[in-house]
Amino acid sequence: MKKYTLLILAFAISAFANDQELRLSVNTMSMDYTEFNFDGSFADSEKTNALAGLSLNYSTQISDGIFSDGGYFDVDLSLYQGNTRYDGFYLDSNGNITGPANNKTTKNIITDSSIGYSEAKRLSNALWVTRLGIGYRFWERALEGGHTEDYAWSYGSLSTGISGNLFTNDNIGISVEYHRAFTPKMESNQFGVFDLGRTDGYSITVPWVHTISPSWAFKFTYMYQTWNIEHSSIHSDNRYEPRSESNFNIFNAGLVYCY
């Protein structure tokens, strides 16, 4: 429901806005997700070189901004789906290890939606942009044997970056972002709901835009992203969700329409 709310808000704003931009992208994302026991030892991991994805982004200028160089509103929706390789251990009903479980297949669906407001400031031949955003992230993890785990959280983000023209029709930039979750949770169909600990991370993004005409452009983006999750609260049966570290490499190719 949260992502549909973002779409409704975007369409409402677009009815009164000018200088709008719409981008549709195809993506590929590598995942390196590892969980750790309390003593820091390896618990299990999910890895893949390529999850396929699609993204839809809308942005528009809605004000002159504090610096008089532009205030912008944006909405971003993305979806990734595919299999990862699970390496870890089999556990009995009491949580005791009964043997290794390697090269197992996990099915994944990851969605991420966000809205943001950004301010632009021109610096000679460059453009400096700072953005404040809120979003919602959902990861459905379906392991072999019918066990599913759903990770979900709203989050806030703060980013800043700079871009400039390499050539007349080619612009390149770099930006960094810090993001932190609000009340993150993991729901297991076998063990219930776990309140996760501090969940945050950062992203480094390098976009390249090649302008074709005043209305059309290609945009290619590389993003390195992390999410680190502290261990959850401990249930009365001593079960808990382990601390985890996740690293993503995302490659994005999109067609941009300006109107």
Protein backbone atom coordinates (compact mmCIF):
# COMPACT_ATOMS: atom_id res chain seq x y z
CA MET A 1 0.00 0.00 0.00
CA LYS A 2 2.87 2.40 0.77
CA LYS A 3 4.24 2.28 -2.80
CA TYR A 4 0.79 3.01 -4.28
CA THR A 5 0.56 6.06 -2.01
CA LEU A 6 3.80 7.33 -3.51
CA LEU A 7 2.44 6.92 -7.05
CA ILE A 8 -0.77 8.81 -6.20
CA LEU A 9 1.30 11.63 -4.68
CA ALA A 10 3.53 11.79 -7.76
CA PHE A 11 0.59 12.02 -10.16
CA ALA A 12 -1.04 14.73 -8.05
CA ILE A 13 2.13 16.85 -8.09
CA SER A 14 2.71 16.26 -11.82
CA ALA A 15 -0.63 17.90 -12.65
CA PHE A 16 0.73 21.27 -11.45
CA ALA A 17 4.45 20.95 -12.24
CA ASN A 18 6.75 21.84 -15.13
CA ASP A 19 10.17 20.52 -16.23
CA GLN A 20 9.26 16.93 -15.52
CA GLU A 21 11.42 13.84 -16.12
CA LEU A 22 10.41 10.18 -16.35
CA ARG A 23 12.92 7.33 -16.47
CA LEU A 24 12.43 3.60 -17.03
CA SER A 25 15.46 1.40 -16.32
CA VAL A 26 16.53 -2.22 -16.47
CA ASN A 27 18.89 -3.30 -13.69
CA THR A 28 21.12 -6.09 -12.51
CA MET A 29 22.20 -6.44 -8.88
CA SER A 30 24.74 -8.65 -7.14
CA MET A 31 24.13 -9.60 -3.50
CA ASP A 32 26.51 -10.61 -0.74
CA TYR A 33 24.48 -11.09 2.46
CA THR A 34 26.09 -12.70 5.53
CA GLU A 35 24.72 -13.42 9.01
CA PHE A 36 26.93 -13.76 12.10
CA ASN A 37 26.49 -15.51 15.45
CA PHE A 38 26.84 -13.66 18.78
CA ASP A 39 30.52 -14.61 18.96
CA GLY A 40 31.15 -13.18 15.47
CA SER A 41 31.43 -16.55 13.73
CA PHE A 42 29.77 -17.26 10.38
CA ALA A 43 26.09 -18.25 10.55
CA ASP A 44 24.94 -18.32 6.92
CA SER A 45 24.97 -16.34 3.67
CA GLU A 46 23.05 -15.54 0.50
CA LYS A 47 25.06 -14.69 -2.62
CA THR A 48 24.46 -14.12 -6.31
CA ASN A 49 26.10 -12.25 -9.16
CA ALA A 50 22.86 -11.11 -10.77
CA LEU A 51 19.30 -10.38 -9.66
CA ALA A 52 17.22 -8.91 -12.49
CA GLY A 53 15.33 -5.70 -11.84
CA LEU A 54 13.26 -2.80 -13.15
CA SER A 55 13.07 0.79 -11.91
CA LEU A 56 10.71 3.68 -12.52
CA ASN A 57 11.73 7.21 -11.53
CA TYR A 58 9.81 10.48 -11.75
CA SER A 59 11.18 13.93 -10.87
CA THR A 60 10.11 17.52 -11.34
CA GLN A 61 11.10 21.00 -10.29
CA ILE A 62 8.53 22.36 -7.83
CA SER A 63 10.23 25.55 -6.60
CA ASP A 64 13.18 27.87 -7.12
CA GLY A 65 14.74 26.39 -4.00
CA ILE A 66 16.52 28.04 -1.12
CA PHE A 67 19.56 28.76 -3.33
CA SER A 68 17.37 29.91 -6.28
CA ASP A 69 18.85 27.14 -8.45
CA GLY A 70 15.97 24.71 -8.09
CA GLY A 71 14.00 22.62 -5.63
CA TYR A 72 13.02 19.16 -6.92
CA PHE A 73 10.60 16.41 -5.95
CA ASP A 74 11.22 12.78 -6.97
CA VAL A 75 9.64 9.34 -6.65
CA ASP A 76 11.59 6.13 -7.23
CA LEU A 77 10.23 2.55 -7.42
CA SER A 78 12.39 -0.54 -7.98
CA LEU A 79 11.84 -4.30 -8.04
CA TYR A 80 14.39 -7.15 -8.08
CA GLN A 81 13.69 -10.83 -8.35
CA GLY A 82 15.81 -13.98 -8.61
CA ASN A 83 17.65 -16.79 -6.85
CA THR A 84 20.60 -16.70 -4.47
CA ARG A 85 22.92 -19.47 -3.25
CA TYR A 86 22.43 -20.27 0.43
CA ASP A 87 25.35 -21.59 2.48
CA GLY A 88 24.83 -22.34 6.15
CA PHE A 89 23.61 -25.08 8.45
CA TYR A 90 20.55 -27.24 9.08
CA LEU A 91 18.86 -26.59 12.43
CA ASP A 92 16.50 -28.78 14.43
CA SER A 93 13.31 -27.50 16.11
CA ASN A 94 15.38 -26.35 19.11
CA GLY A 95 17.80 -24.33 16.97
CA ASN A 96 20.68 -26.82 17.27
CA ILE A 97 22.96 -27.39 14.27
CA THR A 98 22.50 -30.81 12.71
CA GLY A 99 24.81 -30.46 9.69
CA PRO A 100 25.99 -28.21 6.86
CA ALA A 101 23.55 -26.88 4.23
CA ASN A 102 25.49 -25.61 1.22
CA ASN A 103 24.58 -24.61 -2.35
CA LYS A 104 20.88 -24.40 -1.52
CA THR A 105 18.57 -22.12 -3.52
CA THR A 106 16.67 -19.19 -2.04
CA LYS A 107 14.04 -17.27 -4.00
CA ASN A 108 14.09 -13.51 -3.48
CA ILE A 109 11.87 -10.52 -4.18
CA ILE A 110 13.21 -7.09 -3.16
CA THR A 111 11.18 -3.89 -3.57
CA ASP A 112 12.27 -0.39 -2.66
CA SER A 113 10.22 2.80 -2.98
CA SER A 114 11.17 6.32 -1.96
CA ILE A 115 10.21 9.97 -2.28
CA GLY A 116 12.58 12.86 -1.83
CA TYR A 117 13.15 16.60 -1.99
CA SER A 118 16.45 17.95 -3.29
CA GLU A 119 18.11 21.34 -3.58
CA ALA A 120 20.49 22.25 -6.41
CA LYS A 121 23.32 24.79 -6.30
CA ARG A 122 25.42 25.76 -9.32
CA LEU A 123 29.17 25.88 -8.70
CA SER A 124 30.95 27.25 -11.79
CA ASN A 125 30.55 24.42 -14.37
CA ALA A 126 29.24 21.87 -11.84
CA LEU A 127 25.93 21.24 -10.08
CA TRP A 128 25.84 20.37 -6.37
CA VAL A 129 22.69 18.58 -5.15
CA THR A 130 21.58 17.66 -1.62
CA ARG A 131 18.58 15.36 -1.10
CA LEU A 132 16.42 14.38 1.88
CA GLY A 133 14.23 11.31 1.39
CA ILE A 134 11.99 8.71 3.00
CA GLY A 135 11.38 5.20 1.72
CA TYR A 136 10.10 1.69 2.32
CA ARG A 137 12.07 -1.51 1.70
CA PHE A 138 10.75 -5.08 1.61
CA TRP A 139 12.73 -8.31 1.08
CA GLU A 140 10.92 -11.62 0.75
CA ARG A 141 13.31 -14.53 1.30
CA ALA A 142 11.90 -18.02 0.51
CA LEU A 143 14.31 -20.77 1.56
CA GLU A 144 14.14 -24.44 0.62
CA GLY A 145 11.84 -26.50 2.82
CA GLY A 146 9.04 -23.93 2.91
CA HIS A 147 10.66 -21.49 5.37
CA THR A 148 10.07 -17.82 4.50
CA GLU A 149 11.49 -14.67 6.07
CA ASP A 150 10.16 -11.18 5.26
CA TYR A 151 12.32 -8.17 6.13
CA ALA A 152 10.53 -4.80 6.07
CA TRP A 153 11.25 -1.26 7.19
CA SER A 154 10.63 2.39 6.46
CA TYR A 155 13.77 4.50 6.31
CA GLY A 156 15.12 8.00 6.02
CA SER A 157 18.02 9.05 3.81
CA LEU A 158 20.34 12.02 3.32
CA SER A 159 22.57 12.34 0.27
CA THR A 160 24.79 14.85 -1.45
CA GLY A 161 26.60 14.81 -4.78
CA ILE A 162 28.11 16.77 -7.61
CA SER A 163 27.92 16.46 -11.40
CA GLY A 164 29.33 18.18 -14.47
CA ASN A 165 29.70 17.88 -18.23
CA LEU A 166 32.55 15.83 -19.67
CA PHE A 167 31.46 16.74 -23.20
CA THR A 168 28.58 18.75 -24.67
CA ASN A 169 26.11 15.84 -24.45
CA ASP A 170 27.68 13.80 -21.64
CA ASN A 171 27.32 14.48 -17.93
CA ILE A 172 28.88 12.44 -15.10
CA GLY A 173 28.51 12.70 -11.35
CA ILE A 174 29.05 11.07 -7.97
CA SER A 175 26.94 11.10 -4.81
CA VAL A 176 27.00 9.52 -1.34
CA GLU A 177 24.00 8.64 0.82
CA TYR A 178 23.40 7.57 4.40
CA HIS A 179 20.17 5.67 5.12
CA ARG A 180 18.69 4.42 8.40
CA ALA A 181 15.64 2.27 9.07
CA PHE A 182 12.73 3.02 11.40
CA THR A 183 11.40 0.08 13.47
CA PRO A 184 12.78 -2.68 11.18
CA LYS A 185 11.22 -6.14 11.53
CA MET A 186 11.68 -9.66 10.22
CA GLU A 187 8.69 -12.02 10.06
CA SER A 188 9.27 -15.77 9.83
CA ASN A 189 6.43 -18.13 8.94
CA GLN A 190 7.90 -20.64 11.42
CA PHE A 191 9.24 -18.55 14.30
CA GLY A 192 7.18 -15.35 14.40
CA VAL A 193 8.13 -11.68 14.28
CA PHE A 194 11.54 -10.33 15.36
CA ASP A 195 12.26 -6.67 16.16
CA LEU A 196 15.58 -5.97 14.48
CA GLY A 197 18.32 -3.85 15.99
CA ARG A 198 19.88 -0.74 14.45
CA THR A 199 19.63 -1.03 10.67
CA ASP A 200 21.53 1.40 8.46
CA GLY A 201 24.02 1.72 5.63
CA TYR A 202 25.28 3.90 2.83
CA SER A 203 25.35 4.15 -0.95
CA ILE A 204 27.84 5.50 -3.47
CA THR A 205 26.32 6.30 -6.88
CA VAL A 206 28.02 7.22 -10.16
CA PRO A 207 25.55 8.32 -12.90
CA TRP A 208 26.38 9.09 -16.54
CA VAL A 209 23.81 10.83 -18.75
CA HIS A 210 24.09 10.99 -22.54
CA THR A 211 21.68 13.53 -24.07
CA ILE A 212 20.11 12.56 -27.39
CA SER A 213 17.73 15.51 -27.82
CA PRO A 214 16.01 18.11 -25.61
CA SER A 215 13.38 15.45 -24.79
CA TRP A 216 15.39 12.21 -24.65
CA ALA A 217 18.51 10.86 -22.95
CA PHE A 218 20.19 7.63 -21.89
CA LYS A 219 21.22 7.27 -18.24
CA PHE A 220 23.67 4.65 -17.01
CA THR A 221 24.28 4.29 -13.26
CA TYR A 222 26.52 2.23 -10.99
CA MET A 223 25.63 2.03 -7.29
CA TYR A 224 27.40 0.35 -4.38
CA GLN A 225 24.99 -0.05 -1.46
CA THR A 226 25.18 -1.54 2.04
CA TRP A 227 22.62 -2.44 4.73
CA ASN A 228 23.91 -3.57 8.13
CA ILE A 229 21.44 -5.05 10.63
CA GLU A 230 22.16 -5.50 14.33
CA HIS A 231 20.84 -8.68 15.98
CA SER A 232 17.19 -8.69 16.99
CA SER A 233 15.58 -8.90 20.40
CA ILE A 234 15.70 -12.41 21.89
CA HIS A 235 12.46 -14.41 22.13
CA SER A 236 11.52 -16.37 25.23
CA ASP A 237 12.67 -19.59 23.49
CA ASN A 238 16.14 -17.99 22.99
CA ARG A 239 15.59 -17.53 19.27
CA TYR A 240 16.84 -14.34 17.64
CA GLU A 241 17.68 -12.95 14.20
CA PRO A 242 21.49 -12.73 13.85
CA ARG A 243 23.48 -9.63 12.99
CA SER A 244 23.99 -9.33 9.25
CA GLU A 245 25.98 -7.37 6.67
CA SER A 246 24.81 -6.98 3.08
CA ASN A 247 26.60 -5.51 0.07
CA PHE A 248 25.00 -4.79 -3.30
CA ASN A 249 26.48 -3.79 -6.67
CA ILE A 250 23.78 -2.36 -8.92
CA PHE A 251 24.10 -1.57 -12.63
CA ASN A 252 21.27 0.46 -14.16
CA ALA A 253 20.55 1.39 -17.81
CA GLY A 254 17.57 3.67 -18.48
CA LEU A 255 15.79 5.78 -21.04
CA VAL A 256 14.88 9.29 -19.88
CA TYR A 257 11.99 11.39 -21.22
CA CYS A 258 11.87 15.10 -20.36
CA TYR A 259 8.68 17.11 -20.83
